[in-house]
Amino acid sequence: MYLVHVQVRSAAGSGLPADVAGRILAAAVPDERVEHVAVHPHAQPYPVLGVVIGADGLEQAEERAAAVVRRTLATHDELREWEQVTAQVPLIEPFYELLVDPDGPTGEAGGSPR
């Protein structure tokens, strides 16, 4: 399972419909293995759709999530002003590095160099 963050933006500056997660789930085909969609409408700089998806690897997960979101945006009139910006599995290594070394991973401010 992978969590893919798909950033989307509206050319008109409007908000995402409340049921966008359900629309993405409905647009997914079984082979895409979409398990869950979370909507983060206030993420910056663009709203984020968190797509939990089964895949054989990171690249496949990103491609599948991007495909289902693009299909959803293209097939619903009220979503046609929206476009996909990115589709990426978020990297969490910096978070864990901060748990181990609160001064940061670079060795600055007293942290140890890596």
C-alpha atoms as a PDB file:
ATOM      1  CA  MET A   1       0.000   0.000   0.000  1.00  0.00           C
ATOM      2  CA  TYR A   2       1.139   3.499  -0.810  1.00  0.00           C
ATOM      3  CA  LEU A   3      -0.161   6.924   0.096  1.00  0.00           C
ATOM      4  CA  VAL A   4       0.089   9.194  -2.930  1.00  0.00           C
ATOM      5  CA  HIS A   5      -0.455  12.933  -2.530  1.00  0.00           C
ATOM      6  CA  VAL A   6      -2.067  14.364  -5.638  1.00  0.00           C
ATOM      7  CA  GLN A   7      -2.022  18.157  -5.717  1.00  0.00           C
ATOM      8  CA  VAL A   8      -4.771  19.803  -7.749  1.00  0.00           C
ATOM      9  CA  ARG A   9      -5.538  23.409  -8.590  1.00  0.00           C
ATOM     10  CA  SER A  10      -8.516  25.252  -9.965  1.00  0.00           C
ATOM     11  CA  ALA A  11      -8.160  27.711 -12.811  1.00  0.00           C
ATOM     12  CA  ALA A  12     -11.176  29.577 -11.440  1.00  0.00           C
ATOM     13  CA  GLY A  13     -10.069  29.475  -7.807  1.00  0.00           C
ATOM     14  CA  SER A  14     -13.136  27.552  -6.671  1.00  0.00           C
ATOM     15  CA  GLY A  15     -13.259  24.949  -3.919  1.00  0.00           C
ATOM     16  CA  LEU A  16     -13.394  21.202  -4.363  1.00  0.00           C
ATOM     17  CA  PRO A  17     -16.867  19.629  -4.228  1.00  0.00           C
ATOM     18  CA  ALA A  18     -17.603  17.935  -0.899  1.00  0.00           C
ATOM     19  CA  ASP A  19     -17.984  14.531  -2.565  1.00  0.00           C
ATOM     20  CA  VAL A  20     -14.718  14.538  -4.551  1.00  0.00           C
ATOM     21  CA  ALA A  21     -13.323  11.560  -2.595  1.00  0.00           C
ATOM     22  CA  GLY A  22     -16.371   9.467  -3.480  1.00  0.00           C
ATOM     23  CA  ARG A  23     -16.093  10.493  -7.105  1.00  0.00           C
ATOM     24  CA  ILE A  24     -12.474   9.366  -7.262  1.00  0.00           C
ATOM     25  CA  LEU A  25     -13.352   6.031  -5.661  1.00  0.00           C
ATOM     26  CA  ALA A  26     -16.204   5.583  -8.149  1.00  0.00           C
ATOM     27  CA  ALA A  27     -13.918   6.374 -11.108  1.00  0.00           C
ATOM     28  CA  ALA A  28     -11.305   3.814 -10.059  1.00  0.00           C
ATOM     29  CA  VAL A  29     -11.293   0.431 -11.759  1.00  0.00           C
ATOM     30  CA  PRO A  30     -10.530  -2.678  -9.685  1.00  0.00           C
ATOM     31  CA  ASP A  31      -7.051  -3.142 -11.209  1.00  0.00           C
ATOM     32  CA  GLU A  32      -6.029   0.301  -9.897  1.00  0.00           C
ATOM     33  CA  ARG A  33      -6.506  -0.963  -6.316  1.00  0.00           C
ATOM     34  CA  VAL A  34      -7.631   2.373  -4.852  1.00  0.00           C
ATOM     35  CA  GLU A  35      -8.485   1.725  -1.199  1.00  0.00           C
ATOM     36  CA  HIS A  36      -9.208   5.156   0.261  1.00  0.00           C
ATOM     37  CA  VAL A  37      -9.169   8.862  -0.609  1.00  0.00           C
ATOM     38  CA  ALA A  38      -8.709  11.717   1.865  1.00  0.00           C
ATOM     39  CA  VAL A  39      -9.236  15.334   0.858  1.00  0.00           C
ATOM     40  CA  HIS A  40      -7.122  18.145   2.297  1.00  0.00           C
ATOM     41  CA  PRO A  41      -8.784  21.219   0.748  1.00  0.00           C
ATOM     42  CA  HIS A  42      -6.743  23.790   2.684  1.00  0.00           C
ATOM     43  CA  ALA A  43      -3.278  22.374   1.981  1.00  0.00           C
ATOM     44  CA  GLN A  44      -0.804  24.879   0.570  1.00  0.00           C
ATOM     45  CA  PRO A  45       0.018  25.787  -2.070  1.00  0.00           C
ATOM     46  CA  TYR A  46      -2.752  23.586  -3.556  1.00  0.00           C
ATOM     47  CA  PRO A  47      -5.400  21.218  -2.227  1.00  0.00           C
ATOM     48  CA  VAL A  48      -4.167  17.640  -1.784  1.00  0.00           C
ATOM     49  CA  LEU A  49      -5.979  14.398  -2.488  1.00  0.00           C
ATOM     50  CA  GLY A  50      -4.447  11.594  -0.431  1.00  0.00           C
ATOM     51  CA  VAL A  51      -4.942   8.387  -2.400  1.00  0.00           C
ATOM     52  CA  VAL A  52      -4.217   5.098  -0.636  1.00  0.00           C
ATOM     53  CA  ILE A  53      -3.481   2.601  -3.355  1.00  0.00           C
ATOM     54  CA  GLY A  54      -2.114  -0.892  -3.809  1.00  0.00           C
ATOM     55  CA  ALA A  55       0.773  -1.231  -6.233  1.00  0.00           C
ATOM     56  CA  ASP A  56       3.891  -3.272  -6.934  1.00  0.00           C
ATOM     57  CA  GLY A  57       6.112  -0.234  -6.502  1.00  0.00           C
ATOM     58  CA  LEU A  58       6.279   3.481  -5.857  1.00  0.00           C
ATOM     59  CA  GLU A  59       6.266   4.539  -9.524  1.00  0.00           C
ATOM     60  CA  GLN A  60       3.266   2.345 -10.294  1.00  0.00           C
ATOM     61  CA  ALA A  61       1.387   3.781  -7.294  1.00  0.00           C
ATOM     62  CA  GLU A  62       2.032   7.359  -8.419  1.00  0.00           C
ATOM     63  CA  GLU A  63       0.993   6.560 -12.004  1.00  0.00           C
ATOM     64  CA  ARG A  64      -2.225   4.834 -10.908  1.00  0.00           C
ATOM     65  CA  ALA A  65      -3.219   7.612  -8.517  1.00  0.00           C
ATOM     66  CA  ALA A  66      -2.524  10.245 -11.184  1.00  0.00           C
ATOM     67  CA  ALA A  67      -4.567   8.341 -13.759  1.00  0.00           C
ATOM     68  CA  VAL A  68      -7.647   7.932 -11.578  1.00  0.00           C
ATOM     69  CA  VAL A  69      -7.574  11.583 -10.476  1.00  0.00           C
ATOM     70  CA  ARG A  70      -7.165  12.826 -14.073  1.00  0.00           C
ATOM     71  CA  ARG A  71     -10.051  10.588 -15.153  1.00  0.00           C
ATOM     72  CA  THR A  72     -12.242  11.944 -12.353  1.00  0.00           C
ATOM     73  CA  LEU A  73     -11.439  15.572 -13.194  1.00  0.00           C
ATOM     74  CA  ALA A  74     -12.169  14.985 -16.882  1.00  0.00           C
ATOM     75  CA  THR A  75     -15.518  13.238 -16.411  1.00  0.00           C
ATOM     76  CA  HIS A  76     -17.320  15.615 -14.036  1.00  0.00           C
ATOM     77  CA  ASP A  77     -18.416  19.027 -15.310  1.00  0.00           C
ATOM     78  CA  GLU A  78     -17.869  20.771 -11.956  1.00  0.00           C
ATOM     79  CA  LEU A  79     -14.296  19.394 -11.826  1.00  0.00           C
ATOM     80  CA  ARG A  80     -13.211  20.276 -15.367  1.00  0.00           C
ATOM     81  CA  GLU A  81     -11.675  23.583 -14.238  1.00  0.00           C
ATOM     82  CA  TRP A  82      -9.337  21.578 -11.990  1.00  0.00           C
ATOM     83  CA  GLU A  83      -5.999  20.179 -13.066  1.00  0.00           C
ATOM     84  CA  GLN A  84      -3.497  17.851 -11.498  1.00  0.00           C
ATOM     85  CA  VAL A  85      -0.256  19.519 -10.439  1.00  0.00           C
ATOM     86  CA  THR A  86       1.712  16.608  -8.951  1.00  0.00           C
ATOM     87  CA  ALA A  87       1.245  12.996  -7.878  1.00  0.00           C
ATOM     88  CA  GLN A  88       3.935  11.870  -5.446  1.00  0.00           C
ATOM     89  CA  VAL A  89       4.407   9.564  -2.522  1.00  0.00           C
ATOM     90  CA  PRO A  90       5.408  11.933   0.294  1.00  0.00           C
ATOM     91  CA  LEU A  91       8.876  11.388   1.658  1.00  0.00           C
ATOM     92  CA  ILE A  92       8.836  11.056   5.422  1.00  0.00           C
ATOM     93  CA  GLU A  93      12.551  10.555   6.122  1.00  0.00           C
ATOM     94  CA  PRO A  94      13.073  14.174   7.303  1.00  0.00           C
ATOM     95  CA  PHE A  95      10.363  13.661   9.933  1.00  0.00           C
ATOM     96  CA  TYR A  96      12.107  10.610  11.345  1.00  0.00           C
ATOM     97  CA  GLU A  97      15.476  12.337  11.248  1.00  0.00           C
ATOM     98  CA  LEU A  98      14.023  15.090  13.432  1.00  0.00           C
ATOM     99  CA  LEU A  99      12.778  12.498  15.925  1.00  0.00           C
ATOM    100  CA  VAL A 100      16.295  11.130  16.236  1.00  0.00           C
ATOM    101  CA  ASP A 101      18.141  14.481  16.091  1.00  0.00           C
ATOM    102  CA  PRO A 102      15.979  17.550  16.857  1.00  0.00           C
ATOM    103  CA  ASP A 103      18.769  19.871  15.667  1.00  0.00           C
ATOM    104  CA  GLY A 104      18.311  18.566  12.145  1.00  0.00           C
ATOM    105  CA  PRO A 105      19.969  16.142   9.751  1.00  0.00           C
ATOM    106  CA  THR A 106      22.695  18.518   8.509  1.00  0.00           C
ATOM    107  CA  GLY A 107      24.765  18.789  11.647  1.00  0.00           C
ATOM    108  CA  GLU A 108      23.958  22.475  12.079  1.00  0.00           C
ATOM    109  CA  ALA A 109      23.067  23.878  15.482  1.00  0.00           C
ATOM    110  CA  GLY A 110      24.853  21.101  17.291  1.00  0.00           C
ATOM    111  CA  GLY A 111      23.448  18.147  15.326  1.00  0.00           C
ATOM    112  CA  SER A 112      25.740  15.386  14.159  1.00  0.00           C
ATOM    113  CA  PRO A 113      26.668  15.303  10.450  1.00  0.00           C
ATOM    114  CA  ARG A 114      25.270  12.464   8.368  1.00  0.00           C
END
